Amino acid sequence: AKRTVYLQMNTLKPEDTAVYYCAALLRNWGTTLEADF
């Protein structure tokens, strides 16, 4: 209803440091490939 997706991140570690992006999945549920988003 709010057209919003969330990512709750707990117990953060220094290796979680990054720029975080969201995207729409275009195909292949279960994929982790960037090209499928």
PDB file of all heavy atoms in Angstrom:
ATOM      1  N   ALA A   1       0.832  -1.205   0.000  1.00  0.00           N
ATOM      2  CA  ALA A   1       0.000   0.000   0.000  1.00  0.00           C
ATOM      3  C   ALA A   1       0.869   1.259   0.000  1.00  0.00           C
ATOM      4  O   ALA A   1       0.482   2.290  -0.557  1.00  0.00           O
ATOM      5  CB  ALA A   1      -0.920  -0.005   1.205  1.00  0.00           C
ATOM      6  N   LYS A   2       2.021   1.156   0.601  1.00  0.00           N
ATOM      7  CA  LYS A   2       2.950   2.282   0.644  1.00  0.00           C
ATOM      8  C   LYS A   2       3.999   2.198  -0.462  1.00  0.00           C
ATOM      9  O   LYS A   2       4.881   3.048  -0.541  1.00  0.00           O
ATOM     10  CB  LYS A   2       3.646   2.342   2.010  1.00  0.00           C
ATOM     11  CG  LYS A   2       2.704   2.630   3.173  1.00  0.00           C
ATOM     12  CD  LYS A   2       3.473   2.710   4.484  1.00  0.00           C
ATOM     13  CE  LYS A   2       2.533   3.042   5.633  1.00  0.00           C
ATOM     14  NZ  LYS A   2       3.250   3.113   6.947  1.00  0.00           N
ATOM     15  N   ARG A   3       3.907   1.149  -1.282  1.00  0.00           N
ATOM     16  CA  ARG A   3       4.886   0.942  -2.363  1.00  0.00           C
ATOM     17  C   ARG A   3       6.303   0.975  -1.806  1.00  0.00           C
ATOM     18  O   ARG A   3       7.206   1.612  -2.376  1.00  0.00           O
ATOM     19  CB  ARG A   3       4.722   1.983  -3.474  1.00  0.00           C
ATOM     20  CG  ARG A   3       3.371   1.919  -4.174  1.00  0.00           C
ATOM     21  CD  ARG A   3       3.324   2.864  -5.374  1.00  0.00           C
ATOM     22  NE  ARG A   3       3.676   4.232  -5.014  1.00  0.00           N
ATOM     23  CZ  ARG A   3       2.830   5.062  -4.449  1.00  0.00           C
ATOM     24  NH1 ARG A   3       1.614   4.672  -4.146  1.00  0.00           N
ATOM     25  NH2 ARG A   3       3.223   6.290  -4.155  1.00  0.00           N
ATOM     26  N   THR A   4       6.526   0.302  -0.702  1.00  0.00           N
ATOM     27  CA  THR A   4       7.814   0.354  -0.011  1.00  0.00           C
ATOM     28  C   THR A   4       8.265  -1.041   0.396  1.00  0.00           C
ATOM     29  O   THR A   4       7.456  -1.854   0.858  1.00  0.00           O
ATOM     30  CB  THR A   4       7.739   1.260   1.226  1.00  0.00           C
ATOM     31  OG1 THR A   4       7.317   2.565   0.823  1.00  0.00           O
ATOM     32  CG2 THR A   4       9.093   1.367   1.909  1.00  0.00           C
ATOM     33  N   VAL A   5       9.554  -1.275   0.211  1.00  0.00           N
ATOM     34  CA  VAL A   5      10.196  -2.506   0.660  1.00  0.00           C
ATOM     35  C   VAL A   5      11.231  -2.124   1.716  1.00  0.00           C
ATOM     36  O   VAL A   5      11.904  -1.103   1.582  1.00  0.00           O
ATOM     37  CB  VAL A   5      10.869  -3.240  -0.508  1.00  0.00           C
ATOM     38  CG1 VAL A   5      11.602  -4.484  -0.022  1.00  0.00           C
ATOM     39  CG2 VAL A   5       9.842  -3.609  -1.557  1.00  0.00           C
ATOM     40  N   TYR A   6      11.345  -2.946   2.742  1.00  0.00           N
ATOM     41  CA  TYR A   6      12.239  -2.649   3.852  1.00  0.00           C
ATOM     42  C   TYR A   6      13.323  -3.710   3.988  1.00  0.00           C
ATOM     43  O   TYR A   6      13.139  -4.866   3.604  1.00  0.00           O
ATOM     44  CB  TYR A   6      11.448  -2.574   5.160  1.00  0.00           C
ATOM     45  CG  TYR A   6      10.314  -1.586   5.144  1.00  0.00           C
ATOM     46  CD1 TYR A   6       9.002  -2.008   4.886  1.00  0.00           C
ATOM     47  CD2 TYR A   6      10.538  -0.229   5.373  1.00  0.00           C
ATOM     48  CE1 TYR A   6       7.958  -1.102   4.870  1.00  0.00           C
ATOM     49  CE2 TYR A   6       9.484   0.680   5.353  1.00  0.00           C
ATOM     50  CZ  TYR A   6       8.202   0.230   5.101  1.00  0.00           C
ATOM     51  OH  TYR A   6       7.168   1.141   5.071  1.00  0.00           O
ATOM     52  N   LEU A   7      14.428  -3.297   4.575  1.00  0.00           N
ATOM     53  CA  LEU A   7      15.476  -4.242   4.957  1.00  0.00           C
ATOM     54  C   LEU A   7      15.908  -3.883   6.373  1.00  0.00           C
ATOM     55  O   LEU A   7      16.568  -2.861   6.582  1.00  0.00           O
ATOM     56  CB  LEU A   7      16.664  -4.187   4.002  1.00  0.00           C
ATOM     57  CG  LEU A   7      17.746  -5.240   4.269  1.00  0.00           C
ATOM     58  CD1 LEU A   7      17.207  -6.641   3.958  1.00  0.00           C
ATOM     59  CD2 LEU A   7      19.003  -4.970   3.438  1.00  0.00           C
ATOM     60  N   GLN A   8      15.468  -4.703   7.321  1.00  0.00           N
ATOM     61  CA  GLN A   8      15.879  -4.519   8.709  1.00  0.00           C
ATOM     62  C   GLN A   8      17.207  -5.239   8.898  1.00  0.00           C
ATOM     63  O   GLN A   8      17.300  -6.448   8.662  1.00  0.00           O
ATOM     64  CB  GLN A   8      14.825  -5.095   9.650  1.00  0.00           C
ATOM     65  CG  GLN A   8      15.207  -5.027  11.112  1.00  0.00           C
ATOM     66  CD  GLN A   8      15.264  -3.613  11.646  1.00  0.00           C
ATOM     67  OE1 GLN A   8      14.390  -2.800  11.355  1.00  0.00           O
ATOM     68  NE2 GLN A   8      16.288  -3.300  12.438  1.00  0.00           N
ATOM     69  N   MET A   9      18.201  -4.502   9.337  1.00  0.00           N
ATOM     70  CA  MET A   9      19.544  -5.070   9.498  1.00  0.00           C
ATOM     71  C   MET A   9      19.941  -4.978  10.964  1.00  0.00           C
ATOM     72  O   MET A   9      20.024  -3.877  11.526  1.00  0.00           O
ATOM     73  CB  MET A   9      20.545  -4.309   8.619  1.00  0.00           C
ATOM     74  CG  MET A   9      20.155  -4.272   7.151  1.00  0.00           C
ATOM     75  SD  MET A   9      21.433  -3.571   6.106  1.00  0.00           S
ATOM     76  CE  MET A   9      21.504  -1.894   6.737  1.00  0.00           C
ATOM     77  N   ASN A  10      20.169  -6.123  11.561  1.00  0.00           N
ATOM     78  CA  ASN A  10      20.563  -6.199  12.963  1.00  0.00           C
ATOM     79  C   ASN A  10      21.959  -6.787  13.080  1.00  0.00           C
ATOM     80  O   ASN A  10      22.467  -7.420  12.156  1.00  0.00           O
ATOM     81  CB  ASN A  10      19.569  -7.053  13.750  1.00  0.00           C
ATOM     82  CG  ASN A  10      18.173  -6.484  13.733  1.00  0.00           C
ATOM     83  OD1 ASN A  10      17.978  -5.266  13.712  1.00  0.00           O
ATOM     84  ND2 ASN A  10      17.182  -7.353  13.747  1.00  0.00           N
ATOM     85  N   THR A  11      22.548  -6.593  14.241  1.00  0.00           N
ATOM     86  CA  THR A  11      23.879  -7.133  14.527  1.00  0.00           C
ATOM     87  C   THR A  11      24.841  -6.809  13.380  1.00  0.00           C
ATOM     88  O   THR A  11      25.514  -7.682  12.831  1.00  0.00           O
ATOM     89  CB  THR A  11      23.814  -8.667  14.752  1.00  0.00           C
ATOM     90  OG1 THR A  11      22.676  -8.999  15.525  1.00  0.00           O
ATOM     91  CG2 THR A  11      25.047  -9.133  15.512  1.00  0.00           C
ATOM     92  N   LEU A  12      24.873  -5.558  13.034  1.00  0.00           N
ATOM     93  CA  LEU A  12      25.689  -5.139  11.902  1.00  0.00           C
ATOM     94  C   LEU A  12      27.173  -5.315  12.176  1.00  0.00           C
ATOM     95  O   LEU A  12      27.629  -5.169  13.320  1.00  0.00           O
ATOM     96  CB  LEU A  12      25.384  -3.690  11.537  1.00  0.00           C
ATOM     97  CG  LEU A  12      24.067  -3.498  10.771  1.00  0.00           C
ATOM     98  CD1 LEU A  12      23.604  -2.060  10.838  1.00  0.00           C
ATOM     99  CD2 LEU A  12      24.226  -3.952   9.336  1.00  0.00           C
ATOM    100  N   LYS A  13      27.902  -5.629  11.113  1.00  0.00           N
ATOM    101  CA  LYS A  13      29.339  -5.849  11.185  1.00  0.00           C
ATOM    102  C   LYS A  13      30.050  -4.862  10.255  1.00  0.00           C
ATOM    103  O   LYS A  13      29.450  -4.383   9.292  1.00  0.00           O
ATOM    104  CB  LYS A  13      29.661  -7.270  10.733  1.00  0.00           C
ATOM    105  CG  LYS A  13      28.926  -8.359  11.486  1.00  0.00           C
ATOM    106  CD  LYS A  13      29.201  -9.718  10.869  1.00  0.00           C
ATOM    107  CE  LYS A  13      28.448 -10.820  11.590  1.00  0.00           C
ATOM    108  NZ  LYS A  13      28.704 -12.160  10.981  1.00  0.00           N
ATOM    109  N   PRO A  14      31.309  -4.577  10.512  1.00  0.00           N
ATOM    110  CA  PRO A  14      32.040  -3.670   9.611  1.00  0.00           C
ATOM    111  C   PRO A  14      32.008  -4.146   8.158  1.00  0.00           C
ATOM    112  O   PRO A  14      31.973  -3.304   7.248  1.00  0.00           O
ATOM    113  CB  PRO A  14      33.459  -3.699  10.184  1.00  0.00           C
ATOM    114  CG  PRO A  14      33.253  -3.950  11.642  1.00  0.00           C
ATOM    115  CD  PRO A  14      32.095  -4.902  11.704  1.00  0.00           C
ATOM    116  N   GLU A  15      31.980  -5.430   7.936  1.00  0.00           N
ATOM    117  CA  GLU A  15      31.937  -5.947   6.564  1.00  0.00           C
ATOM    118  C   GLU A  15      30.590  -5.733   5.881  1.00  0.00           C
ATOM    119  O   GLU A  15      30.444  -6.026   4.694  1.00  0.00           O
ATOM    120  CB  GLU A  15      32.309  -7.435   6.520  1.00  0.00           C
ATOM    121  CG  GLU A  15      31.551  -8.307   7.495  1.00  0.00           C
ATOM    122  CD  GLU A  15      32.321  -8.551   8.790  1.00  0.00           C
ATOM    123  OE1 GLU A  15      32.884  -7.580   9.333  1.00  0.00           O
ATOM    124  OE2 GLU A  15      32.321  -9.708   9.251  1.00  0.00           O
ATOM    125  N   ASP A  16      29.603  -5.231   6.608  1.00  0.00           N
ATOM    126  CA  ASP A  16      28.327  -4.862   5.996  1.00  0.00           C
ATOM    127  C   ASP A  16      28.390  -3.465   5.386  1.00  0.00           C
ATOM    128  O   ASP A  16      27.435  -3.032   4.729  1.00  0.00           O
ATOM    129  CB  ASP A  16      27.199  -4.896   7.024  1.00  0.00           C
ATOM    130  CG  ASP A  16      26.923  -6.289   7.550  1.00  0.00           C
ATOM    131  OD1 ASP A  16      26.912  -7.235   6.734  1.00  0.00           O
ATOM    132  OD2 ASP A  16      26.703  -6.430   8.765  1.00  0.00           O
ATOM    133  N   THR A  17      29.474  -2.765   5.597  1.00  0.00           N
ATOM    134  CA  THR A  17      29.642  -1.430   5.037  1.00  0.00           C
ATOM    135  C   THR A  17      29.579  -1.487   3.515  1.00  0.00           C
ATOM    136  O   THR A  17      30.327  -2.233   2.879  1.00  0.00           O
ATOM    137  CB  THR A  17      30.974  -0.823   5.483  1.00  0.00           C
ATOM    138  OG1 THR A  17      30.944  -0.622   6.894  1.00  0.00           O
ATOM    139  CG2 THR A  17      31.229   0.514   4.789  1.00  0.00           C
ATOM    140  N   ALA A  18      28.662  -0.717   2.941  1.00  0.00           N
ATOM    141  CA  ALA A  18      28.450  -0.744   1.498  1.00  0.00           C
ATOM    142  C   ALA A  18      27.371   0.264   1.136  1.00  0.00           C
ATOM    143  O   ALA A  18      26.686   0.798   2.022  1.00  0.00           O
ATOM    144  CB  ALA A  18      28.014  -2.138   1.040  1.00  0.00           C
ATOM    145  N   VAL A  19      27.215   0.493  -0.143  1.00  0.00           N
ATOM    146  CA  VAL A  19      26.048   1.204  -0.648  1.00  0.00           C
ATOM    147  C   VAL A  19      24.986   0.142  -0.951  1.00  0.00           C
ATOM    148  O   VAL A  19      25.267  -0.824  -1.654  1.00  0.00           O
ATOM    149  CB  VAL A  19      26.365   2.016  -1.907  1.00  0.00           C
ATOM    150  CG1 VAL A  19      25.096   2.683  -2.436  1.00  0.00           C
ATOM    151  CG2 VAL A  19      27.439   3.064  -1.610  1.00  0.00           C
ATOM    152  N   TYR A  20      23.801   0.333  -0.418  1.00  0.00           N
ATOM    153  CA  TYR A  20      22.721  -0.634  -0.568  1.00  0.00           C
ATOM    154  C   TYR A  20      21.727  -0.131  -1.617  1.00  0.00           C
ATOM    155  O   TYR A  20      21.313   1.039  -1.583  1.00  0.00           O
ATOM    156  CB  TYR A  20      22.022  -0.866   0.762  1.00  0.00           C
ATOM    157  CG  TYR A  20      22.824  -1.737   1.690  1.00  0.00           C
ATOM    158  CD1 TYR A  20      24.001  -1.269   2.279  1.00  0.00           C
ATOM    159  CD2 TYR A  20      22.440  -3.043   1.976  1.00  0.00           C
ATOM    160  CE1 TYR A  20      24.764  -2.079   3.118  1.00  0.00           C
ATOM    161  CE2 TYR A  20      23.192  -3.861   2.810  1.00  0.00           C
ATOM    162  CZ  TYR A  20      24.344  -3.368   3.371  1.00  0.00           C
ATOM    163  OH  TYR A  20      25.099  -4.168   4.196  1.00  0.00           O
ATOM    164  N   TYR A  21      21.342  -1.027  -2.505  1.00  0.00           N
ATOM    165  CA  TYR A  21      20.434  -0.707  -3.609  1.00  0.00           C
ATOM    166  C   TYR A  21      19.224  -1.640  -3.575  1.00  0.00           C
ATOM    167  O   TYR A  21      19.335  -2.798  -3.198  1.00  0.00           O
ATOM    168  CB  TYR A  21      21.126  -0.912  -4.944  1.00  0.00           C
ATOM    169  CG  TYR A  21      22.344  -0.057  -5.182  1.00  0.00           C
ATOM    170  CD1 TYR A  21      23.607  -0.501  -4.787  1.00  0.00           C
ATOM    171  CD2 TYR A  21      22.240   1.171  -5.827  1.00  0.00           C
ATOM    172  CE1 TYR A  21      24.736   0.269  -5.017  1.00  0.00           C
ATOM    173  CE2 TYR A  21      23.359   1.948  -6.058  1.00  0.00           C
ATOM    174  CZ  TYR A  21      24.603   1.490  -5.649  1.00  0.00           C
ATOM    175  OH  TYR A  21      25.712   2.256  -5.884  1.00  0.00           O
ATOM    176  N   CYS A  22      18.113  -1.125  -4.035  1.00  0.00           N
ATOM    177  CA  CYS A  22      16.958  -1.983  -4.246  1.00  0.00           C
ATOM    178  C   CYS A  22      16.654  -2.048  -5.741  1.00  0.00           C
ATOM    179  O   CYS A  22      17.047  -1.161  -6.499  1.00  0.00           O
ATOM    180  CB  CYS A  22      15.744  -1.494  -3.481  1.00  0.00           C
ATOM    181  SG  CYS A  22      15.206   0.168  -3.886  1.00  0.00           S
ATOM    182  N   ALA A  23      15.983  -3.100  -6.121  1.00  0.00           N
ATOM    183  CA  ALA A  23      15.662  -3.304  -7.531  1.00  0.00           C
ATOM    184  C   ALA A  23      14.480  -4.256  -7.633  1.00  0.00           C
ATOM    185  O   ALA A  23      14.156  -4.985  -6.694  1.00  0.00           O
ATOM    186  CB  ALA A  23      16.866  -3.871  -8.275  1.00  0.00           C
ATOM    187  N   ALA A  24      13.857  -4.239  -8.784  1.00  0.00           N
ATOM    188  CA  ALA A  24      12.741  -5.147  -9.052  1.00  0.00           C
ATOM    189  C   ALA A  24      13.254  -6.424  -9.697  1.00  0.00           C
ATOM    190  O   ALA A  24      14.116  -6.382 -10.573  1.00  0.00           O
ATOM    191  CB  ALA A  24      11.732  -4.466  -9.976  1.00  0.00           C
ATOM    192  N   LEU A  25      12.736  -7.552  -9.243  1.00  0.00           N
ATOM    193  CA  LEU A  25      13.114  -8.839  -9.829  1.00  0.00           C
ATOM    194  C   LEU A  25      12.369  -9.023 -11.138  1.00  0.00           C
ATOM    195  O   LEU A  25      11.147  -9.025 -11.173  1.00  0.00           O
ATOM    196  CB  LEU A  25      12.776  -9.977  -8.870  1.00  0.00           C
ATOM    197  CG  LEU A  25      13.035 -11.384  -9.399  1.00  0.00           C
ATOM    198  CD1 LEU A  25      14.512 -11.582  -9.698  1.00  0.00           C
ATOM    199  CD2 LEU A  25      12.563 -12.436  -8.406  1.00  0.00           C
ATOM    200  N   LEU A  26      13.111  -9.184 -12.216  1.00  0.00           N
ATOM    201  CA  LEU A  26      12.511  -9.309 -13.543  1.00  0.00           C
ATOM    202  C   LEU A  26      12.181 -10.752 -13.908  1.00  0.00           C
ATOM    203  O   LEU A  26      11.231 -11.008 -14.658  1.00  0.00           O
ATOM    204  CB  LEU A  26      13.464  -8.733 -14.583  1.00  0.00           C
ATOM    205  CG  LEU A  26      13.879  -7.266 -14.372  1.00  0.00           C
ATOM    206  CD1 LEU A  26      14.874  -6.848 -15.442  1.00  0.00           C
ATOM    207  CD2 LEU A  26      12.653  -6.362 -14.354  1.00  0.00           C
ATOM    208  N   ARG A  27      12.935 -11.729 -13.396  1.00  0.00           N
ATOM    209  CA  ARG A  27      12.766 -13.120 -13.783  1.00  0.00           C
ATOM    210  C   ARG A  27      13.522 -14.028 -12.809  1.00  0.00           C
ATOM    211  O   ARG A  27      14.388 -13.578 -12.085  1.00  0.00           O
ATOM    212  CB  ARG A  27      13.319 -13.347 -15.205  1.00  0.00           C
ATOM    213  CG  ARG A  27      14.754 -12.860 -15.349  1.00  0.00           C
ATOM    214  CD  ARG A  27      15.253 -12.929 -16.790  1.00  0.00           C
ATOM    215  NE  ARG A  27      16.514 -12.209 -16.909  1.00  0.00           N
ATOM    216  CZ  ARG A  27      16.600 -10.935 -17.254  1.00  0.00           C
ATOM    217  NH1 ARG A  27      15.501 -10.256 -17.521  1.00  0.00           N
ATOM    218  NH2 ARG A  27      17.776 -10.345 -17.345  1.00  0.00           N
ATOM    219  N   ASN A  28      13.154 -15.303 -12.847  1.00  0.00           N
ATOM    220  CA  ASN A  28      13.888 -16.336 -12.122  1.00  0.00           C
ATOM    221  C   ASN A  28      13.886 -16.149 -10.610  1.00  0.00           C
ATOM    222  O   ASN A  28      14.907 -15.834  -9.983  1.00  0.00           O
ATOM    223  CB  ASN A  28      15.345 -16.414 -12.614  1.00  0.00           C
ATOM    224  CG  ASN A  28      15.465 -16.703 -14.088  1.00  0.00           C
ATOM    225  OD1 ASN A  28      14.583 -17.344 -14.674  1.00  0.00           O
ATOM    226  ND2 ASN A  28      16.523 -16.234 -14.717  1.00  0.00           N
ATOM    227  N   TRP A  29      12.733 -16.377 -10.000  1.00  0.00           N
ATOM    228  CA  TRP A  29      12.650 -16.339  -8.546  1.00  0.00           C
ATOM    229  C   TRP A  29      13.709 -17.279  -7.962  1.00  0.00           C
ATOM    230  O   TRP A  29      13.825 -18.421  -8.362  1.00  0.00           O
ATOM    231  CB  TRP A  29      11.253 -16.744  -8.084  1.00  0.00           C
ATOM    232  CG  TRP A  29      11.124 -16.893  -6.592  1.00  0.00           C
ATOM    233  CD1 TRP A  29      11.008 -18.048  -5.884  1.00  0.00           C
ATOM    234  CD2 TRP A  29      11.141 -15.840  -5.635  1.00  0.00           C
ATOM    235  NE1 TRP A  29      10.940 -17.775  -4.541  1.00  0.00           N
ATOM    236  CE2 TRP A  29      11.013 -16.424  -4.367  1.00  0.00           C
ATOM    237  CE3 TRP A  29      11.235 -14.442  -5.736  1.00  0.00           C
ATOM    238  CZ2 TRP A  29      10.980 -15.670  -3.190  1.00  0.00           C
ATOM    239  CZ3 TRP A  29      11.200 -13.693  -4.578  1.00  0.00           C
ATOM    240  CH2 TRP A  29      11.077 -14.307  -3.318  1.00  0.00           C
ATOM    241  N   GLY A  30      14.436 -16.753  -6.994  1.00  0.00           N
ATOM    242  CA  GLY A  30      15.511 -17.528  -6.401  1.00  0.00           C
ATOM    243  C   GLY A  30      16.884 -17.120  -6.909  1.00  0.00           C
ATOM    244  O   GLY A  30      17.910 -17.527  -6.343  1.00  0.00           O
ATOM    245  N   THR A  31      16.889 -16.301  -7.945  1.00  0.00           N
ATOM    246  CA  THR A  31      18.154 -15.860  -8.502  1.00  0.00           C
ATOM    247  C   THR A  31      18.854 -14.865  -7.582  1.00  0.00           C
ATOM    248  O   THR A  31      18.200 -14.153  -6.801  1.00  0.00           O
ATOM    249  CB  THR A  31      17.936 -15.192  -9.872  1.00  0.00           C
ATOM    250  OG1 THR A  31      19.199 -14.828 -10.437  1.00  0.00           O
ATOM    251  CG2 THR A  31      17.095 -13.930  -9.734  1.00  0.00           C
ATOM    252  N   THR A  32      20.172 -14.828  -7.694  1.00  0.00           N
ATOM    253  CA  THR A  32      20.970 -13.819  -7.008  1.00  0.00           C
ATOM    254  C   THR A  32      21.752 -12.984  -8.010  1.00  0.00           C
ATOM    255  O   THR A  32      22.597 -12.185  -7.620  1.00  0.00           O
ATOM    256  CB  THR A  32      21.939 -14.473  -6.006  1.00  0.00           C
ATOM    257  OG1 THR A  32      22.847 -15.320  -6.725  1.00  0.00           O
ATOM    258  CG2 THR A  32      21.191 -15.295  -4.963  1.00  0.00           C
ATOM    259  N   LEU A  33      21.472 -13.183  -9.291  1.00  0.00           N
ATOM    260  CA  LEU A  33      22.206 -12.492 -10.338  1.00  0.00           C
ATOM    261  C   LEU A  33      21.710 -11.072 -10.527  1.00  0.00           C
ATOM    262  O   LEU A  33      20.510 -10.840 -10.690  1.00  0.00           O
ATOM    263  CB  LEU A  33      22.092 -13.257 -11.653  1.00  0.00           C
ATOM    264  CG  LEU A  33      22.669 -14.667 -11.672  1.00  0.00           C
ATOM    265  CD1 LEU A  33      22.433 -15.310 -13.027  1.00  0.00           C
ATOM    266  CD2 LEU A  33      24.144 -14.654 -11.335  1.00  0.00           C
ATOM    267  N   GLU A  34      22.619 -10.158 -10.577  1.00  0.00           N
ATOM    268  CA  GLU A  34      22.277  -8.756 -10.785  1.00  0.00           C
ATOM    269  C   GLU A  34      21.526  -8.552 -12.093  1.00  0.00           C
ATOM    270  O   GLU A  34      20.615  -7.725 -12.177  1.00  0.00           O
ATOM    271  CB  GLU A  34      23.570  -7.934 -10.782  1.00  0.00           C
ATOM    272  CG  GLU A  34      23.388  -6.444 -10.905  1.00  0.00           C
ATOM    273  CD  GLU A  34      24.709  -5.715 -10.860  1.00  0.00           C
ATOM    274  OE1 GLU A  34      25.734  -6.325 -10.498  1.00  0.00           O
ATOM    275  OE2 GLU A  34      24.721  -4.514 -11.186  1.00  0.00           O
ATOM    276  N   ALA A  35      21.865  -9.313 -13.117  1.00  0.00           N
ATOM    277  CA  ALA A  35      21.242  -9.168 -14.435  1.00  0.00           C
ATOM    278  C   ALA A  35      19.769  -9.532 -14.440  1.00  0.00           C
ATOM    279  O   ALA A  35      19.043  -9.175 -15.373  1.00  0.00           O
ATOM    280  CB  ALA A  35      21.982 -10.018 -15.454  1.00  0.00           C
ATOM    281  N   ASP A  36      19.305 -10.245 -13.439  1.00  0.00           N
ATOM    282  CA  ASP A  36      17.892 -10.638 -13.369  1.00  0.00           C
ATOM    283  C   ASP A  36      17.034  -9.596 -12.665  1.00  0.00           C
ATOM    284  O   ASP A  36      15.831  -9.802 -12.486  1.00  0.00           O
ATOM    285  CB  ASP A  36      17.755 -11.982 -12.649  1.00  0.00           C
ATOM    286  CG  ASP A  36      18.264 -13.135 -13.480  1.00  0.00           C
ATOM    287  OD1 ASP A  36      18.223 -13.047 -14.722  1.00  0.00           O
ATOM    288  OD2 ASP A  36      18.709 -14.149 -12.883  1.00  0.00           O
ATOM    289  N   PHE A  37      17.649  -8.517 -12.250  1.00  0.00           N
ATOM    290  CA  PHE A  37      16.942  -7.432 -11.579  1.00  0.00           C
ATOM    291  C   PHE A  37      17.014  -6.177 -12.427  1.00  0.00           C
ATOM    292  O   PHE A  37      17.930  -5.998 -13.232  1.00  0.00           O
ATOM    293  CB  PHE A  37      17.562  -7.160 -10.203  1.00  0.00           C
ATOM    294  CG  PHE A  37      17.333  -8.249  -9.189  1.00  0.00           C
ATOM    295  CD1 PHE A  37      18.108  -9.406  -9.198  1.00  0.00           C
ATOM    296  CD2 PHE A  37      16.354  -8.123  -8.224  1.00  0.00           C
ATOM    297  CE1 PHE A  37      17.896 -10.413  -8.277  1.00  0.00           C
ATOM    298  CE2 PHE A  37      16.138  -9.117  -7.285  1.00  0.00           C
ATOM    299  CZ  PHE A  37      16.911 -10.267  -7.307  1.00  0.00           C
TER     300      PHE A  37
END
